[in-house]
PDB file of N, CA and C in Angstrom:
ATOM      1  N   LEU A   1       6.776 -20.315  10.830  1.00  0.00           N
ATOM      2  CA  LEU A   1       6.028 -20.333  10.275  1.00  0.00           C
ATOM      3  C   LEU A   1       5.495 -21.947  10.292  1.00  0.00           C
ATOM      4  N   LEU A   2       5.417 -22.339  11.844  1.00  0.00           N
ATOM      5  CA  LEU A   2       4.637 -23.284  12.296  1.00  0.00           C
ATOM      6  C   LEU A   2       5.167 -24.536  11.691  1.00  0.00           C
ATOM      7  N   GLY A   3       6.737 -24.268  11.806  1.00  0.00           N
ATOM      8  CA  GLY A   3       7.473 -25.632  10.918  1.00  0.00           C
ATOM      9  C   GLY A   3       7.091 -26.152   9.535  1.00  0.00           C
ATOM     10  N   ASN A   4       6.486 -25.099   8.821  1.00  0.00           N
ATOM     11  CA  ASN A   4       6.442 -25.409   7.660  1.00  0.00           C
ATOM     12  C   ASN A   4       7.673 -24.681   6.627  1.00  0.00           C
ATOM     13  N   THR A   5       8.696 -25.597   6.166  1.00  0.00           N
ATOM     14  CA  THR A   5       9.620 -24.842   5.928  1.00  0.00           C
ATOM     15  C   THR A   5       9.692 -24.956   4.024  1.00  0.00           C
ATOM     16  N   HIS A   6       8.882 -25.209   4.030  1.00  0.00           N
ATOM     17  CA  HIS A   6       8.825 -25.653   2.112  1.00  0.00           C
ATOM     18  C   HIS A   6       8.898 -24.113   1.366  1.00  0.00           C
ATOM     19  N   PRO A   7       9.285 -23.810   0.430  1.00  0.00           N
ATOM     20  CA  PRO A   7       9.361 -22.394  -0.093  1.00  0.00           C
ATOM     21  C   PRO A   7       8.246 -21.989  -0.320  1.00  0.00           C
ATOM     22  N   LEU A   8       7.205 -22.654  -0.625  1.00  0.00           N
ATOM     23  CA  LEU A   8       5.901 -22.541  -0.980  1.00  0.00           C
ATOM     24  C   LEU A   8       5.383 -21.758  -0.039  1.00  0.00           C
ATOM     25  N   TRP A   9       5.505 -21.958   1.235  1.00  0.00           N
ATOM     26  CA  TRP A   9       4.545 -21.445   2.078  1.00  0.00           C
ATOM     27  C   TRP A   9       5.182 -19.944   2.355  1.00  0.00           C
ATOM     28  N   VAL A  10       6.252 -19.483   1.903  1.00  0.00           N
ATOM     29  CA  VAL A  10       6.147 -18.060   1.493  1.00  0.00           C
ATOM     30  C   VAL A  10       5.776 -17.517  -0.015  1.00  0.00           C
ATOM     31  N   PHE A  11       6.241 -18.409  -0.679  1.00  0.00           N
ATOM     32  CA  PHE A  11       6.118 -17.651  -2.232  1.00  0.00           C
ATOM     33  C   PHE A  11       4.585 -17.617  -2.408  1.00  0.00           C
ATOM     34  N   ILE A  12       3.938 -18.261  -2.321  1.00  0.00           N
ATOM     35  CA  ILE A  12       2.286 -18.201  -2.074  1.00  0.00           C
ATOM     36  C   ILE A  12       1.674 -17.145  -1.778  1.00  0.00           C
ATOM     37  N   PRO A  13       1.923 -16.843  -0.849  1.00  0.00           N
ATOM     38  CA  PRO A  13       1.332 -15.604  -0.067  1.00  0.00           C
ATOM     39  C   PRO A  13       1.951 -14.426  -0.937  1.00  0.00           C
ATOM     40  N   MET A  14       3.036 -14.284  -1.144  1.00  0.00           N
ATOM     41  CA  MET A  14       3.744 -13.076  -1.715  1.00  0.00           C
ATOM     42  C   MET A  14       2.906 -13.161  -3.006  1.00  0.00           C
ATOM     43  N   MET A  15       3.029 -13.841  -4.237  1.00  0.00           N
ATOM     44  CA  MET A  15       2.562 -14.357  -5.114  1.00  0.00           C
ATOM     45  C   MET A  15       0.883 -13.828  -4.967  1.00  0.00           C
ATOM     46  N   THR A  16       0.217 -13.859  -4.217  1.00  0.00           N
ATOM     47  CA  THR A  16      -0.986 -13.617  -4.096  1.00  0.00           C
ATOM     48  C   THR A  16      -1.030 -12.485  -3.908  1.00  0.00           C
ATOM     49  N   PHE A  17      -0.300 -11.752  -3.101  1.00  0.00           N
ATOM     50  CA  PHE A  17      -0.167 -10.145  -2.852  1.00  0.00           C
ATOM     51  C   PHE A  17       0.173  -9.576  -4.113  1.00  0.00           C
ATOM     52  N   ALA A  18       1.036  -9.729  -4.882  1.00  0.00           N
ATOM     53  CA  ALA A  18       1.542  -9.322  -6.103  1.00  0.00           C
ATOM     54  C   ALA A  18       0.375  -9.162  -6.948  1.00  0.00           C
ATOM     55  N   PHE A  19      -0.014 -10.209  -7.174  1.00  0.00           N
ATOM     56  CA  PHE A  19      -1.236 -10.351  -8.196  1.00  0.00           C
ATOM     57  C   PHE A  19      -2.305  -9.326  -7.677  1.00  0.00           C
ATOM     58  N   GLY A  20      -2.678  -9.361  -6.603  1.00  0.00           N
ATOM     59  CA  GLY A  20      -3.664  -8.250  -5.926  1.00  0.00           C
ATOM     60  C   GLY A  20      -2.918  -6.671  -6.339  1.00  0.00           C
ATOM     61  N   GLN A  21      -1.762  -6.677  -6.106  1.00  0.00           N
ATOM     62  CA  GLN A  21      -1.268  -5.209  -6.360  1.00  0.00           C
ATOM     63  C   GLN A  21      -1.218  -4.978  -7.884  1.00  0.00           C
ATOM     64  N   GLY A  22      -1.124  -5.948  -8.538  1.00  0.00           N
ATOM     65  CA  GLY A  22      -1.200  -6.145 -10.169  1.00  0.00           C
ATOM     66  C   GLY A  22      -2.566  -5.773 -10.908  1.00  0.00           C
ATOM     67  N   LEU A  23      -3.807  -6.151  -9.857  1.00  0.00           N
ATOM     68  CA  LEU A  23      -4.855  -5.649 -10.520  1.00  0.00           C
ATOM     69  C   LEU A  23      -5.537  -4.385  -9.610  1.00  0.00           C
ATOM     70  N   ALA A  24      -4.789  -3.628  -8.531  1.00  0.00           N
ATOM     71  CA  ALA A  24      -5.263  -2.588  -7.867  1.00  0.00           C
ATOM     72  C   ALA A  24      -4.602  -1.342  -8.477  1.00  0.00           C
ATOM     73  N   LEU A  25      -3.294  -1.808  -8.948  1.00  0.00           N
ATOM     74  CA  LEU A  25      -2.023  -0.182  -8.971  1.00  0.00           C
ATOM     75  C   LEU A  25      -2.880   0.356 -10.217  1.00  0.00           C
ATOM     76  N   PRO A  26      -3.054  -0.073 -11.623  1.00  0.00           N
ATOM     77  CA  PRO A  26      -3.409   0.325 -12.751  1.00  0.00           C
ATOM     78  C   PRO A  26      -4.610   1.105 -12.694  1.00  0.00           C
ATOM     79  N   ASN A  27      -5.839   0.606 -11.844  1.00  0.00           N
ATOM     80  CA  ASN A  27      -6.915   1.426 -11.476  1.00  0.00           C
ATOM     81  C   ASN A  27      -6.564   2.388 -10.658  1.00  0.00           C
ATOM     82  N   LEU A  28      -5.726   2.469  -9.556  1.00  0.00           N
ATOM     83  CA  LEU A  28      -5.133   3.917  -8.751  1.00  0.00           C
ATOM     84  C   LEU A  28      -4.603   4.763  -9.461  1.00  0.00           C
ATOM     85  N   ILE A  29      -3.655   4.326 -10.541  1.00  0.00           N
ATOM     86  CA  ILE A  29      -2.919   5.096 -11.385  1.00  0.00           C
ATOM     87  C   ILE A  29      -4.034   5.860 -12.190  1.00  0.00           C
ATOM     88  N   ALA A  30      -4.999   5.462 -12.696  1.00  0.00           N
ATOM     89  CA  ALA A  30      -5.895   5.907 -13.759  1.00  0.00           C
ATOM     90  C   ALA A  30      -6.836   6.948 -13.110  1.00  0.00           C
ATOM     91  N   HIS A  31      -6.745   6.630 -11.836  1.00  0.00           N
ATOM     92  CA  HIS A  31      -8.037   7.406 -11.042  1.00  0.00           C
ATOM     93  C   HIS A  31      -7.090   8.527 -10.750  1.00  0.00           C
ATOM     94  N   GLY A  32      -5.734   8.421 -10.375  1.00  0.00           N
ATOM     95  CA  GLY A  32      -5.234   9.786  -9.941  1.00  0.00           C
ATOM     96  C   GLY A  32      -5.038  10.561 -11.306  1.00  0.00           C
ATOM     97  N   ILE A  33      -4.797   9.642 -12.375  1.00  0.00           N
ATOM     98  CA  ILE A  33      -4.951  10.831 -13.564  1.00  0.00           C
ATOM     99  C   ILE A  33      -5.909  11.311 -14.261  1.00  0.00           C
ATOM    100  N   ARG A  34      -7.150  10.754 -13.739  1.00  0.00           N
ATOM    101  CA  ARG A  34      -8.264  11.420 -14.187  1.00  0.00           C
ATOM    102  C   ARG A  34      -8.725  12.882 -13.281  1.00  0.00           C
ATOM    103  N   LEU A  35      -8.345  12.978 -12.042  1.00  0.00           N
ATOM    104  CA  LEU A  35      -8.172  13.713 -11.243  1.00  0.00           C
ATOM    105  C   LEU A  35      -7.362  14.905 -11.996  1.00  0.00           C
ATOM    106  N   SER A  36      -6.279  14.590 -12.312  1.00  0.00           N
ATOM    107  CA  SER A  36      -5.962  15.920 -13.471  1.00  0.00           C
ATOM    108  C   SER A  36      -5.314  15.703 -14.713  1.00  0.00           C
ATOM    109  N   PRO A  37      -6.371  15.736 -15.558  1.00  0.00           N
ATOM    110  CA  PRO A  37      -5.902  15.381 -17.283  1.00  0.00           C
ATOM    111  C   PRO A  37      -5.007  16.145 -17.581  1.00  0.00           C
ATOM    112  N   ASN A  38      -4.599  17.750 -17.226  1.00  0.00           N
ATOM    113  CA  ASN A  38      -3.798  18.383 -18.137  1.00  0.00           C
ATOM    114  C   ASN A  38      -2.321  17.955 -17.548  1.00  0.00           C
ATOM    115  N   TYR A  39      -2.421  17.012 -16.116  1.00  0.00           N
ATOM    116  CA  TYR A  39      -0.922  17.077 -15.748  1.00  0.00           C
ATOM    117  C   TYR A  39      -0.721  15.179 -15.533  1.00  0.00           C
ATOM    118  N   THR A  40      -0.996  14.728 -16.767  1.00  0.00           N
ATOM    119  CA  THR A  40      -1.088  12.945 -16.473  1.00  0.00           C
ATOM    120  C   THR A  40       0.324  12.822 -15.907  1.00  0.00           C
ATOM    121  N   GLY A  41       1.545  13.249 -17.000  1.00  0.00           N
ATOM    122  CA  GLY A  41       3.060  13.050 -16.569  1.00  0.00           C
ATOM    123  C   GLY A  41       3.488  13.049 -15.255  1.00  0.00           C
ATOM    124  N   VAL A  42       3.222  14.282 -14.485  1.00  0.00           N
ATOM    125  CA  VAL A  42       3.081  14.502 -13.073  1.00  0.00           C
ATOM    126  C   VAL A  42       2.529  14.009 -12.232  1.00  0.00           C
ATOM    127  N   ALA A  43       1.070  13.412 -12.560  1.00  0.00           N
ATOM    128  CA  ALA A  43      -0.031  12.685 -11.780  1.00  0.00           C
ATOM    129  C   ALA A  43       0.925  11.049 -11.748  1.00  0.00           C
ATOM    130  N   SER A  44       1.148  10.872 -12.804  1.00  0.00           N
ATOM    131  CA  SER A  44       2.066   9.300 -12.557  1.00  0.00           C
ATOM    132  C   SER A  44       3.191   8.990 -12.052  1.00  0.00           C
ATOM    133  N   SER A  45       4.266  10.574 -12.358  1.00  0.00           N
ATOM    134  CA  SER A  45       5.578  10.094 -11.999  1.00  0.00           C
ATOM    135  C   SER A  45       5.389  10.463  -9.854  1.00  0.00           C
ATOM    136  N   ILE A  46       4.436  10.914  -9.852  1.00  0.00           N
ATOM    137  CA  ILE A  46       4.161  11.420  -8.186  1.00  0.00           C
ATOM    138  C   ILE A  46       3.441  10.078  -7.746  1.00  0.00           C
ATOM    139  N   PHE A  47       2.612   9.231  -8.380  1.00  0.00           N
ATOM    140  CA  PHE A  47       2.095   8.117  -7.736  1.00  0.00           C
ATOM    141  C   PHE A  47       3.522   7.131  -7.640  1.00  0.00           C
ATOM    142  N   GLY A  48       4.297   6.819  -8.831  1.00  0.00           N
ATOM    143  CA  GLY A  48       5.527   6.284  -8.591  1.00  0.00           C
ATOM    144  C   GLY A  48       6.657   6.515  -7.563  1.00  0.00           C
ATOM    145  N   PHE A  49       7.021   7.685  -7.531  1.00  0.00           N
ATOM    146  CA  PHE A  49       7.816   8.409  -6.297  1.00  0.00           C
ATOM    147  C   PHE A  49       7.085   8.265  -5.220  1.00  0.00           C
ATOM    148  N   SER A  50       5.732   8.114  -4.872  1.00  0.00           N
ATOM    149  CA  SER A  50       5.266   8.030  -3.511  1.00  0.00           C
ATOM    150  C   SER A  50       5.203   6.788  -3.156  1.00  0.00           C
ATOM    151  N   GLN A  51       5.235   5.762  -4.241  1.00  0.00           N
ATOM    152  CA  GLN A  51       5.034   4.148  -3.936  1.00  0.00           C
ATOM    153  C   GLN A  51       6.426   3.862  -3.404  1.00  0.00           C
ATOM    154  N   LEU A  52       7.561   4.349  -4.301  1.00  0.00           N
ATOM    155  CA  LEU A  52       8.699   4.152  -3.720  1.00  0.00           C
ATOM    156  C   LEU A  52       9.375   4.662  -2.324  1.00  0.00           C
ATOM    157  N   ALA A  53       9.096   6.019  -2.287  1.00  0.00           N
ATOM    158  CA  ALA A  53       9.535   6.496  -0.932  1.00  0.00           C
ATOM    159  C   ALA A  53       8.756   5.842   0.494  1.00  0.00           C
ATOM    160  N   LEU A  54       7.435   5.449   0.241  1.00  0.00           N
ATOM    161  CA  LEU A  54       6.844   4.858   1.258  1.00  0.00           C
ATOM    162  C   LEU A  54       7.677   3.416   1.679  1.00  0.00           C
ATOM    163  N   SER A  55       7.719   2.770   0.508  1.00  0.00           N
ATOM    164  CA  SER A  55       8.418   1.547   0.610  1.00  0.00           C
ATOM    165  C   SER A  55       9.530   1.667   1.131  1.00  0.00           C
ATOM    166  N   ALA A  56      10.207   2.443   1.097  1.00  0.00           N
ATOM    167  CA  ALA A  56      11.611   2.710   1.334  1.00  0.00           C
ATOM    168  C   ALA A  56      11.733   3.255   3.012  1.00  0.00           C
ATOM    169  N   ILE A  57      10.740   3.794   3.524  1.00  0.00           N
ATOM    170  CA  ILE A  57      10.434   4.429   5.059  1.00  0.00           C
ATOM    171  C   ILE A  57       9.988   3.207   5.478  1.00  0.00           C
ATOM    172  N   ALA A  58       9.062   2.042   4.992  1.00  0.00           N
ATOM    173  CA  ALA A  58       8.744   1.322   5.926  1.00  0.00           C
ATOM    174  C   ALA A  58       9.796   0.353   5.850  1.00  0.00           C
ATOM    175  N   VAL A  59      10.677   0.186   4.932  1.00  0.00           N
ATOM    176  CA  VAL A  59      12.016  -0.966   5.299  1.00  0.00           C
ATOM    177  C   VAL A  59      12.691  -0.374   6.535  1.00  0.00           C
ATOM    178  N   GLN A  60      12.859   1.014   6.362  1.00  0.00           N
ATOM    179  CA  GLN A  60      13.811   1.685   7.412  1.00  0.00           C
ATOM    180  C   GLN A  60      13.344   1.490   8.717  1.00  0.00           C
ATOM    181  N   ALA A  61      11.865   1.767   8.716  1.00  0.00           N
ATOM    182  CA  ALA A  61      11.385   1.471  10.213  1.00  0.00           C
ATOM    183  C   ALA A  61      11.263   0.430  10.548  1.00  0.00           C
ATOM    184  N   MET A  62      11.031  -0.749   9.588  1.00  0.00           N
ATOM    185  CA  MET A  62      11.285  -2.248  10.421  1.00  0.00           C
ATOM    186  C   MET A  62      12.613  -2.715  10.425  1.00  0.00           C
ATOM    187  N   GLY A  63      13.605  -2.133  10.189  1.00  0.00           N
ATOM    188  CA  GLY A  63      14.964  -2.287  10.497  1.00  0.00           C
ATOM    189  C   GLY A  63      15.351  -1.693  11.992  1.00  0.00           C
ATOM    190  N   TYR A  64      14.495  -0.842  12.611  1.00  0.00           N
ATOM    191  CA  TYR A  64      14.586  -0.552  14.246  1.00  0.00           C
ATOM    192  C   TYR A  64      13.997  -1.296  15.071  1.00  0.00           C
ATOM    193  N   ILE A  65      12.989  -2.329  14.439  1.00  0.00           N
ATOM    194  CA  ILE A  65      12.010  -2.944  15.538  1.00  0.00           C
ATOM    195  C   ILE A  65      12.864  -4.430  15.402  1.00  0.00           C
ATOM    196  N   PRO A  66      12.996  -4.642  16.742  1.00  0.00           N
ATOM    197  CA  PRO A  66      13.667  -6.081  17.099  1.00  0.00           C
ATOM    198  C   PRO A  66      12.640  -7.148  16.711  1.00  0.00           C
ATOM    199  N   THR A  67      13.488  -7.782  15.989  1.00  0.00           N
ATOM    200  CA  THR A  67      12.841  -9.287  15.480  1.00  0.00           C
ATOM    201  C   THR A  67      13.234 -10.396  16.051  1.00  0.00           C
ATOM    202  N   THR A  68      12.648 -10.952  16.668  1.00  0.00           N
ATOM    203  CA  THR A  68      12.951 -12.242  17.342  1.00  0.00           C
ATOM    204  C   THR A  68      11.866 -13.817  16.728  1.00  0.00           C
ATOM    205  N   GLY A  69      10.740 -13.198  15.673  1.00  0.00           N
ATOM    206  CA  GLY A  69      10.110 -13.912  15.227  1.00  0.00           C
ATOM    207  C   GLY A  69       9.317 -13.173  14.298  1.00  0.00           C
ATOM    208  N   TRP A  70       8.124 -13.575  14.002  1.00  0.00           N
ATOM    209  CA  TRP A  70       7.373 -12.962  12.893  1.00  0.00           C
ATOM    210  C   TRP A  70       6.219 -11.942  13.206  1.00  0.00           C
ATOM    211  N   GLU A  71       5.938 -11.686  14.605  1.00  0.00           N
ATOM    212  CA  GLU A  71       4.935 -11.107  15.249  1.00  0.00           C
ATOM    213  C   GLU A  71       5.237  -9.661  14.668  1.00  0.00           C
ATOM    214  N   PRO A  72       6.176  -9.066  14.846  1.00  0.00           N
ATOM    215  CA  PRO A  72       6.776  -7.649  14.596  1.00  0.00           C
ATOM    216  C   PRO A  72       6.332  -7.132  12.944  1.00  0.00           C
ATOM    217  N   ALA A  73       6.895  -8.066  12.237  1.00  0.00           N
ATOM    218  CA  ALA A  73       6.032  -8.060  10.647  1.00  0.00           C
ATOM    219  C   ALA A  73       4.835  -8.060  10.592  1.00  0.00           C
ATOM    220  N   LEU A  74       4.282  -8.701  11.128  1.00  0.00           N
ATOM    221  CA  LEU A  74       2.791  -9.121  11.078  1.00  0.00           C
ATOM    222  C   LEU A  74       2.031  -7.528  11.805  1.00  0.00           C
ATOM    223  N   TRP A  75       2.566  -7.253  12.956  1.00  0.00           N
ATOM    224  CA  TRP A  75       1.818  -5.876  13.427  1.00  0.00           C
ATOM    225  C   TRP A  75       2.044  -4.682  12.686  1.00  0.00           C
ATOM    226  N   PHE A  76       3.338  -4.692  11.777  1.00  0.00           N
ATOM    227  CA  PHE A  76       3.484  -3.652  10.977  1.00  0.00           C
ATOM    228  C   PHE A  76       2.585  -3.541  10.051  1.00  0.00           C
ATOM    229  N   CYS A  77       2.488  -4.806   9.345  1.00  0.00           N
ATOM    230  CA  CYS A  77       1.133  -4.742   8.170  1.00  0.00           C
ATOM    231  C   CYS A  77       0.036  -4.606   8.911  1.00  0.00           C
ATOM    232  N   ALA A  78      -0.430  -5.046   9.728  1.00  0.00           N
ATOM    233  CA  ALA A  78      -1.690  -4.665  10.472  1.00  0.00           C
ATOM    234  C   ALA A  78      -1.747  -3.002  10.604  1.00  0.00           C
ATOM    235  N   ILE A  79      -0.878  -2.530  11.132  1.00  0.00           N
ATOM    236  CA  ILE A  79      -0.955  -1.309  11.402  1.00  0.00           C
ATOM    237  C   ILE A  79      -0.941  -0.303  10.223  1.00  0.00           C
ATOM    238  N   GLY A  80      -0.247  -0.834   9.118  1.00  0.00           N
ATOM    239  CA  GLY A  80      -0.133   0.003   7.568  1.00  0.00           C
ATOM    240  C   GLY A  80      -1.375  -0.428   7.110  1.00  0.00           C
ATOM    241  N   ALA A  81      -2.358  -1.543   7.013  1.00  0.00           N
ATOM    242  CA  ALA A  81      -3.740  -1.835   6.481  1.00  0.00           C
ATOM    243  C   ALA A  81      -4.741  -0.931   7.349  1.00  0.00           C
ATOM    244  N   ALA A  82      -4.879  -0.861   8.690  1.00  0.00           N
ATOM    245  CA  ALA A  82      -5.424   0.249   9.672  1.00  0.00           C
ATOM    246  C   ALA A  82      -5.670   1.661   9.090  1.00  0.00           C
ATOM    247  N   VAL A  83      -4.112   2.221   8.907  1.00  0.00           N
ATOM    248  CA  VAL A  83      -4.090   3.468   8.493  1.00  0.00           C
ATOM    249  C   VAL A  83      -4.353   3.405   7.240  1.00  0.00           C
ATOM    250  N   THR A  84      -4.367   2.836   6.155  1.00  0.00           N
ATOM    251  CA  THR A  84      -4.976   2.880   5.038  1.00  0.00           C
ATOM    252  C   THR A  84      -6.167   2.976   4.618  1.00  0.00           C
ATOM    253  N   SER A  85      -6.920   1.902   5.751  1.00  0.00           N
ATOM    254  CA  SER A  85      -8.344   1.833   5.608  1.00  0.00           C
ATOM    255  C   SER A  85      -8.922   3.251   5.985  1.00  0.00           C
ATOM    256  N   VAL A  86      -8.321   3.382   7.235  1.00  0.00           N
ATOM    257  CA  VAL A  86      -8.816   5.080   7.376  1.00  0.00           C
ATOM    258  C   VAL A  86      -8.582   6.386   6.700  1.00  0.00           C
ATOM    259  N   SER A  87      -7.735   5.656   6.144  1.00  0.00           N
ATOM    260  CA  SER A  87      -7.417   6.792   4.967  1.00  0.00           C
ATOM    261  C   SER A  87      -8.527   7.020   3.873  1.00  0.00           C
ATOM    262  N   ILE A  88      -8.685   5.794   3.541  1.00  0.00           N
ATOM    263  CA  ILE A  88      -9.708   5.597   2.556  1.00  0.00           C
ATOM    264  C   ILE A  88     -10.644   6.280   2.786  1.00  0.00           C
ATOM    265  N   TRP A  89     -11.370   5.850   4.149  1.00  0.00           N
ATOM    266  CA  TRP A  89     -12.484   5.792   4.697  1.00  0.00           C
ATOM    267  C   TRP A  89     -12.714   7.642   4.556  1.00  0.00           C
ATOM    268  N   ARG A  90     -11.646   8.340   5.253  1.00  0.00           N
ATOM    269  CA  ARG A  90     -11.730   9.597   4.947  1.00  0.00           C
ATOM    270  C   ARG A  90     -12.108  10.503   3.771  1.00  0.00           C
ATOM    271  N   LEU A  91     -11.154   9.873   2.671  1.00  0.00           N
ATOM    272  CA  LEU A  91     -11.618  10.384   1.438  1.00  0.00           C
ATOM    273  C   LEU A  91     -12.703  10.156   0.828  1.00  0.00           C
ATOM    274  N   GLU A  92     -13.306   8.951   1.023  1.00  0.00           N
ATOM    275  CA  GLU A  92     -14.563   8.582   0.588  1.00  0.00           C
ATOM    276  C   GLU A  92     -15.415   9.657   1.110  1.00  0.00           C
ATOM    277  N   ALA A  93     -15.367   9.656   2.641  1.00  0.00           N
ATOM    278  CA  ALA A  93     -16.152  10.690   3.370  1.00  0.00           C
ATOM    279  C   ALA A  93     -16.258  12.105   2.754  1.00  0.00           C
ATOM    280  N   ARG A  94     -15.116  12.357   2.453  1.00  0.00           N
ATOM    281  CA  ARG A  94     -15.002  13.856   2.074  1.00  0.00           C
ATOM    282  C   ARG A  94     -15.533  14.367   0.367  1.00  0.00           C
ATOM    283  N   GLU A  95     -15.403  12.930  -0.355  1.00  0.00           N
ATOM    284  CA  GLU A  95     -15.870  13.134  -1.703  1.00  0.00           C
ATOM    285  C   GLU A  95     -17.565  13.063  -1.629  1.00  0.00           C
ATOM    286  N   ASP A  96     -18.106  12.169  -0.525  1.00  0.00           N
ATOM    287  CA  ASP A  96     -19.460  12.408  -0.507  1.00  0.00           C
ATOM    288  C   ASP A  96     -20.144  13.779  -0.062  1.00  0.00           C
ATOM    289  N   THR A  97     -19.430  14.480   0.812  1.00  0.00           N
ATOM    290  CA  THR A  97     -19.961  15.703   1.479  1.00  0.00           C
ATOM    291  C   THR A  97     -20.009  16.785  -0.265  1.00  0.00           C
ATOM    292  N   PRO A  98     -21.098  17.173  -0.076  1.00  0.00           N
ATOM    293  CA  PRO A  98     -21.420  18.594  -0.818  1.00  0.00           C
ATOM    294  C   PRO A  98     -20.206  19.564  -0.728  1.00  0.00           C
ATOM    295  N   SER A  99     -19.831  20.074  -1.956  1.00  0.00           N
ATOM    296  CA  SER A  99     -19.093  21.088  -2.224  1.00  0.00           C
ATOM    297  C   SER A  99     -19.698  22.624  -1.666  1.00  0.00           C
ATOM    298  N   ARG A 100     -18.650  23.576  -0.924  1.00  0.00           N
ATOM    299  CA  ARG A 100     -19.262  24.828  -0.552  1.00  0.00           C
ATOM    300  C   ARG A 100     -19.061  25.884  -1.495  1.00  0.00           C
ATOM    301  N   THR A 101     -19.227  25.484  -2.672  1.00  0.00           N
ATOM    302  CA  THR A 101     -19.300  26.636  -3.749  1.00  0.00           C
ATOM    303  C   THR A 101     -20.100  27.190  -4.520  1.00  0.00           C
TER     304      THR A 101
END
């Protein structure tokens, strides 16, 4: 961390991340439930399961990467953000195209 050893250098970025998740996740859950109003319990539980499963997969994947510094974690997060951005872009593109029914 460039010589910054105070705990706030770790906790403040994670606090910002947790705050952002607290703002985004309820909106995502509401959108998922809106897509299937007859199966609200299933939609909510699938969202929770997928969040925990993807987190477990990410932790296991990071365990196989040799770490000599902070760069592997940065690359892992950058690749995850890129995959998420492409996925959202494709979902939005699919919603914008007219259906063929």
